[in-house]
Every structure is written in C-alpha cells, then in structure tokens.
C-alpha cells in the first residue's frame, strides 16, 4: 500500500503544478488501469518474498 501512496503523492503534486484539483485516494485507486496494477504487483512481489524471509 505504501507504493500506492507514493504514486498518489506524485499525482497530487502534478495536479498542483497544473492547478488541478486531485481526486481523493479511494477514487485514485479505482481509476488505476490493469497495466498499472500489474506493474505494482510485479514490483511488490520481490518485496513480499523478502519480508517473509526476515
């Protein structure tokens, strides 16, 4: 979930830069594409395995 928060923070900064009002976090998550979710899962998978070993 931390990676989602990092992405949301980046999104909010981009909105501020262009004078746009960002959507809330729940809608942000709902608007992620399958490709974005797949990329997140691929990136998170090695972290999950590492956490289990520690």
C-alpha atoms as a PDB file:
ATOM      1  CA  UNK A   1       0.000   0.000   0.000  1.00  0.00           C
ATOM      2  CA  UNK A   2       2.976   2.298   0.532  1.00  0.00           C
ATOM      3  CA  UNK A   3       3.689   2.228  -3.212  1.00  0.00           C
ATOM      4  CA  UNK A   4       0.116   3.333  -3.898  1.00  0.00           C
ATOM      5  CA  UNK A   5       0.613   6.248  -1.506  1.00  0.00           C
ATOM      6  CA  UNK A   6       3.839   7.229  -3.265  1.00  0.00           C
ATOM      7  CA  UNK A   7       2.026   7.205  -6.596  1.00  0.00           C
ATOM      8  CA  UNK A   8      -0.851   9.220  -5.139  1.00  0.00           C
ATOM      9  CA  UNK A   9       1.561  11.823  -3.742  1.00  0.00           C
ATOM     10  CA  UNK A  10       3.165  12.132  -7.176  1.00  0.00           C
ATOM     11  CA  UNK A  11      -0.279  12.510  -8.742  1.00  0.00           C
ATOM     12  CA  UNK A  12      -1.232  15.254  -6.248  1.00  0.00           C
ATOM     13  CA  UNK A  13       1.992  17.152  -6.957  1.00  0.00           C
ATOM     14  CA  UNK A  14       1.274  17.006 -10.700  1.00  0.00           C
ATOM     15  CA  UNK A  15      -2.251  18.305 -10.099  1.00  0.00           C
ATOM     16  CA  UNK A  16      -0.908  21.199  -8.020  1.00  0.00           C
ATOM     17  CA  UNK A  17       1.648  22.012 -10.697  1.00  0.00           C
ATOM     18  CA  UNK A  18      -1.117  22.378 -13.289  1.00  0.00           C
ATOM     19  CA  UNK A  19      -3.693  23.981 -10.991  1.00  0.00           C
ATOM     20  CA  UNK A  20      -5.998  20.959 -10.944  1.00  0.00           C
ATOM     21  CA  UNK A  21      -7.981  19.564  -8.032  1.00  0.00           C
ATOM     22  CA  UNK A  22      -6.897  15.964  -7.330  1.00  0.00           C
ATOM     23  CA  UNK A  23      -9.434  13.206  -6.776  1.00  0.00           C
ATOM     24  CA  UNK A  24      -9.421  11.523  -3.372  1.00  0.00           C
ATOM     25  CA  UNK A  25      -7.319   8.438  -2.673  1.00  0.00           C
ATOM     26  CA  UNK A  26     -10.185   5.946  -2.987  1.00  0.00           C
ATOM     27  CA  UNK A  27     -11.098   7.169  -6.480  1.00  0.00           C
ATOM     28  CA  UNK A  28      -7.412   7.260  -7.389  1.00  0.00           C
ATOM     29  CA  UNK A  29      -7.146   3.549  -6.575  1.00  0.00           C
ATOM     30  CA  UNK A  30     -10.318   2.754  -8.507  1.00  0.00           C
ATOM     31  CA  UNK A  31      -9.011   4.595 -11.566  1.00  0.00           C
ATOM     32  CA  UNK A  32      -5.762   2.623 -11.843  1.00  0.00           C
ATOM     33  CA  UNK A  33      -5.569   0.573 -15.015  1.00  0.00           C
ATOM     34  CA  UNK A  34      -4.897  -3.157 -15.132  1.00  0.00           C
ATOM     35  CA  UNK A  35      -1.426  -2.392 -16.513  1.00  0.00           C
ATOM     36  CA  UNK A  36      -0.696  -0.103 -13.568  1.00  0.00           C
ATOM     37  CA  UNK A  37      -1.933  -2.689 -11.068  1.00  0.00           C
ATOM     38  CA  UNK A  38       0.102  -5.428 -12.775  1.00  0.00           C
ATOM     39  CA  UNK A  39       3.228  -3.238 -12.630  1.00  0.00           C
ATOM     40  CA  UNK A  40       2.634  -2.623  -8.926  1.00  0.00           C
ATOM     41  CA  UNK A  41       2.195  -6.338  -8.247  1.00  0.00           C
ATOM     42  CA  UNK A  42       5.379  -7.216 -10.153  1.00  0.00           C
ATOM     43  CA  UNK A  43       7.330  -4.635  -8.176  1.00  0.00           C
ATOM     44  CA  UNK A  44       5.806  -5.693  -4.852  1.00  0.00           C
ATOM     45  CA  UNK A  45       6.298  -9.449  -5.347  1.00  0.00           C
ATOM     46  CA  UNK A  46      10.068  -9.489  -4.571  1.00  0.00           C
ATOM     47  CA  UNK A  47       9.447  -7.313  -1.520  1.00  0.00           C
ATOM     48  CA  UNK A  48       6.826  -9.741  -0.169  1.00  0.00           C
ATOM     49  CA  UNK A  49       9.204 -12.681  -0.530  1.00  0.00           C
ATOM     50  CA  UNK A  50      11.986 -10.737   1.164  1.00  0.00           C
ATOM     51  CA  UNK A  51       9.741  -9.765   4.072  1.00  0.00           C
ATOM     52  CA  UNK A  52       8.841 -13.396   4.677  1.00  0.00           C
ATOM     53  CA  UNK A  53      12.497 -14.389   4.906  1.00  0.00           C
ATOM     54  CA  UNK A  54      13.360 -11.771   7.569  1.00  0.00           C
END
